[in-house]
Amino acid sequence: MSVSALFGGPRPAFVGVVHLLATPGAPRYAGSLEALLARAAADAQALVNGGVDALLVENFGDAPFFAASVPSETVAALALALYEVRGVAGELPVGVNVLRNDARAALGLCASSGAEFLRVNVHTGAMVTDQGLIQGRAAETLRERARLCPEARLWADVHVKHATPLGRETLLEAALDAAQRGLADALILSGSRTGVAPAPEPFLAVRERVGECPLLVGSGLDEHNARALLAVADGALVGTALERDGQSGEPVEEQRVARLRACFDAAARRQ
């Protein structure tokens, strides 16, 4: 499935990220689930009003993250947040990313909430991260998807941010593995850290080899670099640039979303 098929048009896909506050059990949890859900709904409303094409919910505030499976209370909080966000999103697609790499929990959330897609930070290969070694589990993930939610689309990061490849494969080799052997429905290319944009050049090299598999920017896209990045990508996941003062974890500001929406629309006119 192409990005355009999922979002109903050929323009670059603008996916707004809902960065949840820390969930129960996380070190920074503030003690109020009601406040967490209210913030999630408010951020989702600002994203919708500003004109995004889809929303992605992730437990951004839960650092330090578990490398693989998250505890039950995290999944429960994500389920409640997805319910709130879907209520705001209306007909817009909603996805989920269970940080750092709990694809199984994300599949369960898709099956139970109706979320249309999931992001997996390490789907194939192995990465050295601040959580230690994280290994892709594509075989298990795809078989569980077939059992639980076969319609959910899987978006896989390639050389995900905040990580270093364990092996010596190039970005292109990793992208080919994720698309052709990991059977990802879309690939995400990021900069080195949250809020850091990737260079446009890698998209061109990957695009020449991965065929129709959509390529998305996974970090750092903003009003200043949107033209260059959207010229080579099929869309972007945007969180930090839409938040107050461009700071990760701050509330989403509708006017920031609207300004970036204009950048996406301009990119569509140039295509």
C-alpha atoms as a PDB file:
ATOM      1  CA  MET A   1       0.000   0.000   0.000  1.00  0.00           C
ATOM      2  CA  SER A   2       1.370   3.411  -0.950  1.00  0.00           C
ATOM      3  CA  VAL A   3       1.209   6.449   1.291  1.00  0.00           C
ATOM      4  CA  SER A   4      -1.159   8.099  -1.173  1.00  0.00           C
ATOM      5  CA  ALA A   5      -3.491   5.109  -1.058  1.00  0.00           C
ATOM      6  CA  LEU A   6      -3.597   5.231   2.742  1.00  0.00           C
ATOM      7  CA  PHE A   7      -4.187   8.966   2.993  1.00  0.00           C
ATOM      8  CA  GLY A   8      -6.393   9.481  -0.005  1.00  0.00           C
ATOM      9  CA  GLY A   9      -4.291  11.580  -2.350  1.00  0.00           C
ATOM     10  CA  PRO A  10      -0.967  11.988  -4.140  1.00  0.00           C
ATOM     11  CA  ARG A  11       0.360  14.853  -2.006  1.00  0.00           C
ATOM     12  CA  PRO A  12       3.171  14.199   0.504  1.00  0.00           C
ATOM     13  CA  ALA A  13       1.763  12.700   3.683  1.00  0.00           C
ATOM     14  CA  PHE A  14       1.846  14.949   6.758  1.00  0.00           C
ATOM     15  CA  VAL A  15       1.799  12.729   9.852  1.00  0.00           C
ATOM     16  CA  GLY A  16       1.553  14.638  13.123  1.00  0.00           C
ATOM     17  CA  VAL A  17       3.040  12.945  16.172  1.00  0.00           C
ATOM     18  CA  VAL A  18       1.287  13.002  19.552  1.00  0.00           C
ATOM     19  CA  HIS A  19       4.098  12.861  22.117  1.00  0.00           C
ATOM     20  CA  LEU A  20       2.447  11.480  25.234  1.00  0.00           C
ATOM     21  CA  LEU A  21       3.465  12.649  28.665  1.00  0.00           C
ATOM     22  CA  ALA A  22       5.063   9.986  30.845  1.00  0.00           C
ATOM     23  CA  THR A  23       2.707   7.066  31.476  1.00  0.00           C
ATOM     24  CA  PRO A  24       2.124   5.360  34.858  1.00  0.00           C
ATOM     25  CA  GLY A  25       5.250   3.650  36.149  1.00  0.00           C
ATOM     26  CA  ALA A  26       7.678   5.780  34.121  1.00  0.00           C
ATOM     27  CA  PRO A  27      10.151   7.892  36.139  1.00  0.00           C
ATOM     28  CA  ARG A  28       8.625  11.200  35.006  1.00  0.00           C
ATOM     29  CA  TYR A  29       4.986  10.229  35.493  1.00  0.00           C
ATOM     30  CA  ALA A  30       3.268  13.188  37.143  1.00  0.00           C
ATOM     31  CA  GLY A  31       0.590  11.140  38.874  1.00  0.00           C
ATOM     32  CA  SER A  32      -2.441  12.103  36.830  1.00  0.00           C
ATOM     33  CA  LEU A  33      -3.687   9.894  34.022  1.00  0.00           C
ATOM     34  CA  GLU A  34      -6.469  12.411  33.415  1.00  0.00           C
ATOM     35  CA  ALA A  35      -3.902  15.114  32.674  1.00  0.00           C
ATOM     36  CA  LEU A  36      -2.039  12.799  30.309  1.00  0.00           C
ATOM     37  CA  LEU A  37      -5.205  12.007  28.350  1.00  0.00           C
ATOM     38  CA  ALA A  38      -6.333  15.638  28.287  1.00  0.00           C
ATOM     39  CA  ARG A  39      -2.970  16.687  26.875  1.00  0.00           C
ATOM     40  CA  ALA A  40      -3.103  13.911  24.257  1.00  0.00           C
ATOM     41  CA  ALA A  41      -6.557  15.040  23.148  1.00  0.00           C
ATOM     42  CA  ALA A  42      -5.513  18.709  23.037  1.00  0.00           C
ATOM     43  CA  ASP A  43      -2.407  17.952  20.981  1.00  0.00           C
ATOM     44  CA  ALA A  44      -4.435  15.766  18.629  1.00  0.00           C
ATOM     45  CA  GLN A  45      -7.020  18.523  18.195  1.00  0.00           C
ATOM     46  CA  ALA A  46      -4.305  21.061  17.335  1.00  0.00           C
ATOM     47  CA  LEU A  47      -2.870  18.644  14.771  1.00  0.00           C
ATOM     48  CA  VAL A  48      -6.270  18.009  13.196  1.00  0.00           C
ATOM     49  CA  ASN A  49      -7.186  21.702  13.130  1.00  0.00           C
ATOM     50  CA  GLY A  50      -3.816  22.533  11.572  1.00  0.00           C
ATOM     51  CA  GLY A  51      -4.354  20.090   8.713  1.00  0.00           C
ATOM     52  CA  VAL A  52      -2.369  16.874   9.207  1.00  0.00           C
ATOM     53  CA  ASP A  53      -3.189  13.798   7.133  1.00  0.00           C
ATOM     54  CA  ALA A  54      -2.738  11.294   9.973  1.00  0.00           C
ATOM     55  CA  LEU A  55      -1.655  11.051  13.601  1.00  0.00           C
ATOM     56  CA  LEU A  56       0.892   8.830  15.330  1.00  0.00           C
ATOM     57  CA  VAL A  57       0.699   8.258  19.089  1.00  0.00           C
ATOM     58  CA  GLU A  58       3.843   7.305  20.986  1.00  0.00           C
ATOM     59  CA  ASN A  59       4.896   7.047  24.639  1.00  0.00           C
ATOM     60  CA  PHE A  60       7.543   9.730  24.170  1.00  0.00           C
ATOM     61  CA  GLY A  61       7.634  10.760  27.827  1.00  0.00           C
ATOM     62  CA  ASP A  62       8.578   7.315  29.133  1.00  0.00           C
ATOM     63  CA  ALA A  63      12.383   7.674  28.897  1.00  0.00           C
ATOM     64  CA  PRO A  64      14.469   5.793  29.775  1.00  0.00           C
ATOM     65  CA  PHE A  65      12.777   3.247  27.542  1.00  0.00           C
ATOM     66  CA  PHE A  66      12.622  -0.519  27.740  1.00  0.00           C
ATOM     67  CA  ALA A  67      14.535  -2.111  24.870  1.00  0.00           C
ATOM     68  CA  ALA A  68      11.752  -4.534  23.962  1.00  0.00           C
ATOM     69  CA  SER A  69       8.594  -5.381  25.912  1.00  0.00           C
ATOM     70  CA  VAL A  70       6.948  -2.622  27.915  1.00  0.00           C
ATOM     71  CA  PRO A  71       4.936  -3.291  31.100  1.00  0.00           C
ATOM     72  CA  SER A  72       1.187  -3.775  31.099  1.00  0.00           C
ATOM     73  CA  GLU A  73       0.475  -0.351  32.584  1.00  0.00           C
ATOM     74  CA  THR A  74       2.200   1.301  29.613  1.00  0.00           C
ATOM     75  CA  VAL A  75       0.057  -0.630  27.136  1.00  0.00           C
ATOM     76  CA  ALA A  76      -3.073   0.247  29.117  1.00  0.00           C
ATOM     77  CA  ALA A  77      -2.212   3.954  29.107  1.00  0.00           C
ATOM     78  CA  LEU A  78      -1.503   3.847  25.371  1.00  0.00           C
ATOM     79  CA  ALA A  79      -4.845   2.168  24.747  1.00  0.00           C
ATOM     80  CA  LEU A  80      -6.654   4.940  26.607  1.00  0.00           C
ATOM     81  CA  ALA A  81      -4.665   7.601  24.768  1.00  0.00           C
ATOM     82  CA  LEU A  82      -5.467   6.003  21.406  1.00  0.00           C
ATOM     83  CA  TYR A  83      -9.154   6.044  22.315  1.00  0.00           C
ATOM     84  CA  GLU A  84      -8.947   9.780  23.048  1.00  0.00           C
ATOM     85  CA  VAL A  85      -6.956  10.575  19.914  1.00  0.00           C
ATOM     86  CA  ARG A  86      -9.194   8.520  17.646  1.00  0.00           C
ATOM     87  CA  GLY A  87     -12.172  10.401  19.040  1.00  0.00           C
ATOM     88  CA  VAL A  88     -10.578  13.659  17.921  1.00  0.00           C
ATOM     89  CA  ALA A  89      -9.152  12.359  14.627  1.00  0.00           C
ATOM     90  CA  GLY A  90     -12.490  11.478  13.053  1.00  0.00           C
ATOM     91  CA  GLU A  91     -11.781   9.844   9.684  1.00  0.00           C
ATOM     92  CA  LEU A  92      -8.035  10.520   9.772  1.00  0.00           C
ATOM     93  CA  PRO A  93      -5.791   7.462  10.133  1.00  0.00           C
ATOM     94  CA  VAL A  94      -4.170   6.946  13.529  1.00  0.00           C
ATOM     95  CA  GLY A  95      -1.058   4.887  14.236  1.00  0.00           C
ATOM     96  CA  VAL A  96       0.994   3.874  17.259  1.00  0.00           C
ATOM     97  CA  ASN A  97       4.660   3.512  18.176  1.00  0.00           C
ATOM     98  CA  VAL A  98       5.473   1.690  21.431  1.00  0.00           C
ATOM     99  CA  LEU A  99       8.931   2.890  22.405  1.00  0.00           C
ATOM    100  CA  ARG A 100      11.457   1.662  22.273  1.00  0.00           C
ATOM    101  CA  ASN A 101      10.642  -1.357  20.157  1.00  0.00           C
ATOM    102  CA  ASP A 102       7.609  -3.270  21.368  1.00  0.00           C
ATOM    103  CA  ALA A 103       6.064  -4.214  18.033  1.00  0.00           C
ATOM    104  CA  ARG A 104       3.964  -6.922  19.672  1.00  0.00           C
ATOM    105  CA  ALA A 105       2.274  -4.432  21.970  1.00  0.00           C
ATOM    106  CA  ALA A 106       1.729  -2.083  19.025  1.00  0.00           C
ATOM    107  CA  LEU A 107       0.023  -4.883  17.096  1.00  0.00           C
ATOM    108  CA  GLY A 108      -2.232  -5.598  20.051  1.00  0.00           C
ATOM    109  CA  LEU A 109      -3.138  -1.923  20.237  1.00  0.00           C
ATOM    110  CA  CYS A 110      -3.924  -1.851  16.520  1.00  0.00           C
ATOM    111  CA  ALA A 111      -6.134  -4.905  16.897  1.00  0.00           C
ATOM    112  CA  SER A 112      -8.005  -3.530  19.905  1.00  0.00           C
ATOM    113  CA  SER A 113      -8.242   0.161  18.965  1.00  0.00           C
ATOM    114  CA  GLY A 114      -8.563   0.021  15.185  1.00  0.00           C
ATOM    115  CA  ALA A 115      -5.334   1.963  14.658  1.00  0.00           C
ATOM    116  CA  GLU A 116      -4.344   1.700  11.000  1.00  0.00           C
ATOM    117  CA  PHE A 117      -0.550   1.532  11.230  1.00  0.00           C
ATOM    118  CA  LEU A 118       2.379   0.975  13.570  1.00  0.00           C
ATOM    119  CA  ARG A 119       5.924   2.276  13.582  1.00  0.00           C
ATOM    120  CA  VAL A 120       8.718  -0.153  14.469  1.00  0.00           C
ATOM    121  CA  ASN A 121      12.105   1.383  15.255  1.00  0.00           C
ATOM    122  CA  VAL A 122      14.134  -1.793  14.645  1.00  0.00           C
ATOM    123  CA  HIS A 123      12.268  -4.198  12.368  1.00  0.00           C
ATOM    124  CA  THR A 124      15.265  -5.884  10.736  1.00  0.00           C
ATOM    125  CA  GLY A 125      18.938  -5.938  11.649  1.00  0.00           C
ATOM    126  CA  ALA A 126      20.405  -4.947  15.014  1.00  0.00           C
ATOM    127  CA  MET A 127      21.164  -1.545  16.523  1.00  0.00           C
ATOM    128  CA  VAL A 128      23.244  -0.455  19.497  1.00  0.00           C
ATOM    129  CA  THR A 129      21.228   2.097  21.454  1.00  0.00           C
ATOM    130  CA  ASP A 130      21.058   3.775  24.848  1.00  0.00           C
ATOM    131  CA  GLN A 131      18.831   0.817  25.805  1.00  0.00           C
ATOM    132  CA  GLY A 132      21.578  -1.609  24.769  1.00  0.00           C
ATOM    133  CA  LEU A 133      21.327  -3.976  21.832  1.00  0.00           C
ATOM    134  CA  ILE A 134      17.985  -4.025  20.019  1.00  0.00           C
ATOM    135  CA  GLN A 135      17.378  -6.722  17.417  1.00  0.00           C
ATOM    136  CA  GLY A 136      14.701  -6.781  14.766  1.00  0.00           C
ATOM    137  CA  ARG A 137      12.040  -9.474  14.995  1.00  0.00           C
ATOM    138  CA  ALA A 138      10.422  -9.224  11.586  1.00  0.00           C
ATOM    139  CA  ALA A 139       9.503 -12.910  11.423  1.00  0.00           C
ATOM    140  CA  GLU A 140       7.536 -12.829  14.674  1.00  0.00           C
ATOM    141  CA  THR A 141       6.025  -9.407  14.008  1.00  0.00           C
ATOM    142  CA  LEU A 142       4.634 -10.242  10.577  1.00  0.00           C
ATOM    143  CA  ARG A 143       3.182 -13.540  11.723  1.00  0.00           C
ATOM    144  CA  GLU A 144       1.509 -11.857  14.687  1.00  0.00           C
ATOM    145  CA  ARG A 145       0.149  -9.153  12.398  1.00  0.00           C
ATOM    146  CA  ALA A 146      -1.383 -11.793  10.138  1.00  0.00           C
ATOM    147  CA  ARG A 147      -3.098 -13.274  13.178  1.00  0.00           C
ATOM    148  CA  LEU A 148      -4.212 -10.075  14.943  1.00  0.00           C
ATOM    149  CA  CYS A 149      -4.611  -7.184  12.528  1.00  0.00           C
ATOM    150  CA  PRO A 150      -3.693  -8.049   8.927  1.00  0.00           C
ATOM    151  CA  GLU A 151      -4.850  -4.666   7.622  1.00  0.00           C
ATOM    152  CA  ALA A 152      -2.476  -2.674   9.832  1.00  0.00           C
ATOM    153  CA  ARG A 153       0.426  -1.219   7.868  1.00  0.00           C
ATOM    154  CA  LEU A 154       3.947  -1.564   9.244  1.00  0.00           C
ATOM    155  CA  TRP A 155       6.296   1.414   8.934  1.00  0.00           C
ATOM    156  CA  ALA A 156       9.907   0.478   9.653  1.00  0.00           C
ATOM    157  CA  ASP A 157      12.763   2.776  10.566  1.00  0.00           C
ATOM    158  CA  VAL A 158      16.036   2.264   8.712  1.00  0.00           C
ATOM    159  CA  HIS A 159      19.107   2.983  10.854  1.00  0.00           C
ATOM    160  CA  VAL A 160      16.808   4.564  13.421  1.00  0.00           C
ATOM    161  CA  LYS A 161      17.842   7.704  15.312  1.00  0.00           C
ATOM    162  CA  HIS A 162      19.570   7.467  18.696  1.00  0.00           C
ATOM    163  CA  ALA A 163      21.248   4.269  17.509  1.00  0.00           C
ATOM    164  CA  THR A 164      24.244   2.832  15.669  1.00  0.00           C
ATOM    165  CA  PRO A 165      24.105  -0.235  13.399  1.00  0.00           C
ATOM    166  CA  LEU A 166      25.737  -3.287  14.933  1.00  0.00           C
ATOM    167  CA  GLY A 167      26.779  -4.617  11.539  1.00  0.00           C
ATOM    168  CA  ARG A 168      28.484  -2.976   8.610  1.00  0.00           C
ATOM    169  CA  GLU A 169      25.523  -2.717   6.266  1.00  0.00           C
ATOM    170  CA  THR A 170      25.043   0.594   4.513  1.00  0.00           C
ATOM    171  CA  LEU A 171      21.839   2.603   4.797  1.00  0.00           C
ATOM    172  CA  LEU A 172      20.841   1.374   1.350  1.00  0.00           C
ATOM    173  CA  GLU A 173      21.484  -2.261   2.258  1.00  0.00           C
ATOM    174  CA  ALA A 174      19.466  -1.883   5.448  1.00  0.00           C
ATOM    175  CA  ALA A 175      16.621  -0.254   3.516  1.00  0.00           C
ATOM    176  CA  LEU A 176      16.553  -3.069   0.977  1.00  0.00           C
ATOM    177  CA  ASP A 177      16.463  -5.657   3.770  1.00  0.00           C
ATOM    178  CA  ALA A 178      13.602  -3.873   5.537  1.00  0.00           C
ATOM    179  CA  ALA A 179      11.559  -3.562   2.355  1.00  0.00           C
ATOM    180  CA  GLN A 180      12.346  -6.809   0.535  1.00  0.00           C
ATOM    181  CA  ARG A 181      13.040  -9.251   3.366  1.00  0.00           C
ATOM    182  CA  GLY A 182      11.251  -7.547   6.258  1.00  0.00           C
ATOM    183  CA  LEU A 183       8.258  -6.721   3.998  1.00  0.00           C
ATOM    184  CA  ALA A 184       7.757  -3.275   5.528  1.00  0.00           C
ATOM    185  CA  ASP A 185       4.935  -1.227   4.027  1.00  0.00           C
ATOM    186  CA  ALA A 186       6.881   2.041   4.334  1.00  0.00           C
ATOM    187  CA  LEU A 187      10.421   3.015   5.295  1.00  0.00           C
ATOM    188  CA  ILE A 188      11.416   5.833   7.642  1.00  0.00           C
ATOM    189  CA  LEU A 189      14.753   7.635   7.371  1.00  0.00           C
ATOM    190  CA  SER A 190      15.808   9.931  10.194  1.00  0.00           C
ATOM    191  CA  GLY A 191      18.633  12.098  11.400  1.00  0.00           C
ATOM    192  CA  SER A 192      20.884  11.090  14.272  1.00  0.00           C
ATOM    193  CA  ARG A 193      18.593  12.339  17.071  1.00  0.00           C
ATOM    194  CA  THR A 194      15.104  13.651  17.773  1.00  0.00           C
ATOM    195  CA  GLY A 195      14.676  16.962  15.987  1.00  0.00           C
ATOM    196  CA  VAL A 196      17.675  16.405  13.674  1.00  0.00           C
ATOM    197  CA  ALA A 197      16.841  16.156   9.987  1.00  0.00           C
ATOM    198  CA  PRO A 198      18.378  13.625   7.590  1.00  0.00           C
ATOM    199  CA  ALA A 199      20.180  14.788   4.482  1.00  0.00           C
ATOM    200  CA  PRO A 200      18.115  14.594   1.274  1.00  0.00           C
ATOM    201  CA  GLU A 201      20.772  12.634  -0.624  1.00  0.00           C
ATOM    202  CA  PRO A 202      20.175   9.253   1.060  1.00  0.00           C
ATOM    203  CA  PHE A 203      16.530   9.357  -0.006  1.00  0.00           C
ATOM    204  CA  LEU A 204      17.568   9.525  -3.643  1.00  0.00           C
ATOM    205  CA  ALA A 205      19.865   6.507  -3.352  1.00  0.00           C
ATOM    206  CA  VAL A 206      17.226   4.478  -1.517  1.00  0.00           C
ATOM    207  CA  ARG A 207      14.434   5.567  -3.869  1.00  0.00           C
ATOM    208  CA  GLU A 208      16.302   4.209  -6.887  1.00  0.00           C
ATOM    209  CA  ARG A 209      16.377   0.734  -5.374  1.00  0.00           C
ATOM    210  CA  VAL A 210      13.260   0.199  -3.259  1.00  0.00           C
ATOM    211  CA  GLY A 211      10.732   0.784  -6.022  1.00  0.00           C
ATOM    212  CA  GLU A 212       7.246   1.765  -4.893  1.00  0.00           C
ATOM    213  CA  CYS A 213       7.838   1.385  -1.157  1.00  0.00           C
ATOM    214  CA  PRO A 214       7.034   4.802   0.402  1.00  0.00           C
ATOM    215  CA  LEU A 215       9.869   6.731   2.061  1.00  0.00           C
ATOM    216  CA  LEU A 216       9.117   9.004   5.001  1.00  0.00           C
ATOM    217  CA  VAL A 217      11.193  11.539   6.906  1.00  0.00           C
ATOM    218  CA  GLY A 218      11.316  10.433  10.538  1.00  0.00           C
ATOM    219  CA  SER A 219      12.819  13.449  12.290  1.00  0.00           C
ATOM    220  CA  GLY A 220      13.741  17.078  11.960  1.00  0.00           C
ATOM    221  CA  LEU A 221      11.484  18.255   9.144  1.00  0.00           C
ATOM    222  CA  ASP A 222      10.416  21.875   9.651  1.00  0.00           C
ATOM    223  CA  GLU A 223       9.436  24.977   7.690  1.00  0.00           C
ATOM    224  CA  HIS A 224      13.055  25.673   6.725  1.00  0.00           C
ATOM    225  CA  ASN A 225      13.962  22.301   5.194  1.00  0.00           C
ATOM    226  CA  ALA A 226      10.551  21.000   4.119  1.00  0.00           C
ATOM    227  CA  ARG A 227      11.005  21.995   0.476  1.00  0.00           C
ATOM    228  CA  ALA A 228      14.283  20.069   0.086  1.00  0.00           C
ATOM    229  CA  LEU A 229      13.149  16.988   2.005  1.00  0.00           C
ATOM    230  CA  LEU A 230       9.675  16.713   0.498  1.00  0.00           C
ATOM    231  CA  ALA A 231      11.197  16.872  -2.967  1.00  0.00           C
ATOM    232  CA  VAL A 232      12.684  13.421  -2.339  1.00  0.00           C
ATOM    233  CA  ALA A 233      10.350  11.872   0.272  1.00  0.00           C
ATOM    234  CA  ASP A 234       6.730  10.707   0.184  1.00  0.00           C
ATOM    235  CA  GLY A 235       5.918  12.386   3.458  1.00  0.00           C
ATOM    236  CA  ALA A 236       7.109  12.976   6.994  1.00  0.00           C
ATOM    237  CA  LEU A 237       6.385  12.238  10.620  1.00  0.00           C
ATOM    238  CA  VAL A 238       6.596  15.529  12.500  1.00  0.00           C
ATOM    239  CA  GLY A 239       6.545  16.101  16.242  1.00  0.00           C
ATOM    240  CA  THR A 240       9.104  18.542  17.639  1.00  0.00           C
ATOM    241  CA  ALA A 241       8.687  21.222  14.948  1.00  0.00           C
ATOM    242  CA  LEU A 242       4.987  21.471  15.798  1.00  0.00           C
ATOM    243  CA  GLU A 243       5.489  21.933  19.523  1.00  0.00           C
ATOM    244  CA  ARG A 244       5.890  25.200  21.428  1.00  0.00           C
ATOM    245  CA  ASP A 245       9.194  26.919  20.617  1.00  0.00           C
ATOM    246  CA  GLY A 246      10.171  23.825  18.621  1.00  0.00           C
ATOM    247  CA  GLN A 247      10.986  21.970  21.844  1.00  0.00           C
ATOM    248  CA  SER A 248      10.297  18.242  22.163  1.00  0.00           C
ATOM    249  CA  GLY A 249       7.585  17.402  24.660  1.00  0.00           C
ATOM    250  CA  GLU A 250       5.944  20.830  24.703  1.00  0.00           C
ATOM    251  CA  PRO A 251       2.281  21.271  23.699  1.00  0.00           C
ATOM    252  CA  VAL A 252       1.437  21.281  19.993  1.00  0.00           C
ATOM    253  CA  GLU A 253       0.656  24.736  18.596  1.00  0.00           C
ATOM    254  CA  GLU A 254      -1.993  24.840  15.894  1.00  0.00           C
ATOM    255  CA  GLN A 255      -0.395  27.759  14.076  1.00  0.00           C
ATOM    256  CA  ARG A 256       2.848  25.796  13.697  1.00  0.00           C
ATOM    257  CA  VAL A 257       0.891  22.906  12.201  1.00  0.00           C
ATOM    258  CA  ALA A 258      -0.906  25.208   9.775  1.00  0.00           C
ATOM    259  CA  ARG A 259       2.334  26.807   8.601  1.00  0.00           C
ATOM    260  CA  LEU A 260       3.903  23.426   7.936  1.00  0.00           C
ATOM    261  CA  ARG A 261       0.707  22.285   6.203  1.00  0.00           C
ATOM    262  CA  ALA A 262       1.287  25.118   3.750  1.00  0.00           C
ATOM    263  CA  CYS A 263       4.789  23.755   3.097  1.00  0.00           C
ATOM    264  CA  PHE A 264       3.354  20.314   2.314  1.00  0.00           C
ATOM    265  CA  ASP A 265       0.768  21.840  -0.007  1.00  0.00           C
ATOM    266  CA  ALA A 266       3.470  23.804  -1.814  1.00  0.00           C
ATOM    267  CA  ALA A 267       5.480  20.591  -2.243  1.00  0.00           C
ATOM    268  CA  ALA A 268       2.415  18.894  -3.739  1.00  0.00           C
ATOM    269  CA  ARG A 269       1.980  21.696  -6.280  1.00  0.00           C
ATOM    270  CA  ARG A 270       5.584  21.306  -7.400  1.00  0.00           C
ATOM    271  CA  GLN A 271       5.168  17.584  -8.075  1.00  0.00           C
END
